[in-house]
Protein backbone atom coordinates (compact mmCIF):
# COMPACT_ATOMS: atom_id res chain seq x y z
CA UNK A 1 -11.37 9.72 2.11
CA UNK A 2 -9.25 9.09 5.17
CA UNK A 3 -6.28 6.82 4.40
CA UNK A 4 -5.85 5.80 8.05
CA UNK A 5 -9.45 4.60 8.39
CA UNK A 6 -9.16 2.62 5.12
CA UNK A 7 -6.04 0.85 6.45
CA UNK A 8 -7.62 0.32 9.90
CA UNK A 9 -10.65 -1.33 8.28
CA UNK A 10 -8.48 -3.53 6.06
CA UNK A 11 -6.35 -4.77 8.96
CA UNK A 12 -9.31 -5.26 11.31
CA UNK A 13 -11.22 -7.31 8.73
CA UNK A 14 -8.19 -9.30 7.47
CA UNK A 15 -8.45 -7.94 3.94
CA UNK A 16 -5.68 -8.61 1.42
CA UNK A 17 -3.50 -5.60 0.56
CA UNK A 18 -1.47 -5.14 -2.62
CA UNK A 19 0.07 -1.96 -3.90
CA UNK A 20 3.02 0.07 -5.07
CA UNK A 21 4.50 3.40 -4.05
CA UNK A 22 5.73 5.84 -6.68
CA UNK A 23 7.25 9.29 -6.85
CA UNK A 24 9.85 9.22 -4.08
CA UNK A 25 10.15 12.58 -2.35
CA UNK A 26 13.93 12.12 -2.02
CA UNK A 27 15.64 11.46 -5.33
CA UNK A 28 17.50 8.47 -3.87
CA UNK A 29 14.23 6.69 -3.09
CA UNK A 30 13.66 3.24 -4.48
CA UNK A 31 10.69 1.41 -5.94
CA UNK A 32 8.49 -0.14 -3.21
CA UNK A 33 5.78 -2.79 -3.50
CA UNK A 34 3.58 -4.16 -0.73
CA UNK A 35 1.41 -7.25 -0.41
CA UNK A 36 -0.23 -9.40 2.23
CA UNK A 37 1.39 -12.77 2.82
CA UNK A 38 0.72 -15.58 5.30
CA UNK A 39 3.62 -16.79 7.43
CA UNK A 40 3.18 -19.38 10.18
CA UNK A 41 -0.61 -19.11 9.71
CA UNK A 42 -0.56 -15.35 10.45
CA UNK A 43 -1.02 -12.48 7.99
CA UNK A 44 1.96 -10.19 7.48
CA UNK A 45 2.62 -7.22 5.24
CA UNK A 46 5.57 -7.83 2.94
CA UNK A 47 7.46 -4.74 1.79
CA UNK A 48 9.67 -5.20 -1.24
CA UNK A 49 12.22 -2.44 -1.92
CA UNK A 50 14.31 -2.35 -5.05
CA UNK A 51 17.75 -0.83 -4.67
CA UNK A 52 19.64 -0.79 -7.95
CA UNK A 53 18.97 -4.29 -9.32
CA UNK A 54 18.42 -6.05 -5.99
CA UNK A 55 15.16 -6.66 -4.15
CA UNK A 56 15.04 -6.50 -0.37
CA UNK A 57 12.08 -7.90 1.59
CA UNK A 58 10.77 -6.93 5.01
CA UNK A 59 7.88 -8.81 6.63
CA UNK A 60 5.85 -6.92 9.22
CA UNK A 61 3.10 -8.21 11.52
CA UNK A 62 -0.27 -6.71 10.56
CA UNK A 63 -0.46 -5.00 13.95
CA UNK A 64 2.50 -2.83 12.93
CA UNK A 65 1.49 -2.43 9.27
CA UNK A 66 -0.46 0.81 9.66
CA UNK A 67 2.49 2.67 11.21
CA UNK A 68 4.83 1.39 8.49
CA UNK A 69 2.43 2.34 5.68
CA UNK A 70 2.02 5.85 7.09
CA UNK A 71 5.82 6.22 7.38
CA UNK A 72 6.24 5.08 3.77
CA UNK A 73 3.49 7.44 2.64
CA UNK A 74 5.57 10.33 4.03
CA UNK A 75 8.48 9.24 1.80
CA UNK A 76 6.49 8.95 -1.45
CA UNK A 77 4.09 11.17 -3.38
CA UNK A 78 1.69 8.44 -4.47
CA UNK A 79 0.43 4.97 -3.59
CA UNK A 80 -1.84 2.77 -5.66
CA UNK A 81 -3.35 0.14 -3.36
CA UNK A 82 -5.90 -2.61 -3.82
CA UNK A 83 -7.71 -3.86 -0.74
CA UNK A 84 -9.67 -7.00 -1.61
CA UNK A 85 -11.75 -5.76 -4.58
CA UNK A 86 -11.47 -2.02 -3.84
CA UNK A 87 -8.73 0.15 -5.35
CA UNK A 88 -7.48 3.50 -4.09
CA UNK A 89 -5.03 6.13 -5.22
CA UNK A 90 -3.40 7.84 -2.26
CA UNK A 91 -1.61 11.16 -2.69
CA UNK A 92 0.87 12.92 -0.41
CA UNK A 93 0.68 16.62 -1.17
CA UNK A 94 3.14 18.40 1.13
CA UNK A 95 2.29 16.16 4.08
CA UNK A 96 -1.46 16.08 3.48
CA UNK A 97 -2.49 12.51 2.66
CA UNK A 98 -5.65 12.06 0.60
CA UNK A 99 -7.15 8.79 -0.68
CA UNK A 100 -9.40 8.58 -3.73
CA UNK A 101 -11.42 5.49 -4.55
CA UNK A 102 -10.85 4.26 -8.10
CA UNK A 103 -13.53 2.16 -9.69
CA UNK A 104 -12.10 -0.83 -11.48
CA UNK A 105 -14.36 -2.04 -14.25
CA UNK A 106 -14.80 -5.75 -14.69
CA UNK A 107 -14.13 -7.11 -18.13
CA UNK A 108 -17.15 -8.39 -19.99
CA UNK A 109 -19.63 -6.01 -18.40
CA UNK A 110 -21.41 -3.23 -20.22
CA UNK A 111 -22.49 -2.82 -23.83
């Protein structure tokens, strides 16, 4: 799956994003979480970086979110992201970004 088209669709259709990056490529990388928030009645992407024991927040307009997500994806090996009800695992393997849909099972279904 194409990560860029997944993000384009999510932004275009105002879908809620939530996820976390893991496996920093540089050893000094920090833990990063993302989520959609609403500020002044507009959707923004909030990026939360943890450096030592402090959390730093950056709020980005959704129009700029795709570029920021792609830049972050080049700094990390993996991203687990949920877009509305769909979940994806995104891998950065030496600059090649690949997204895999992960099926999340609902509790209470099945035998």
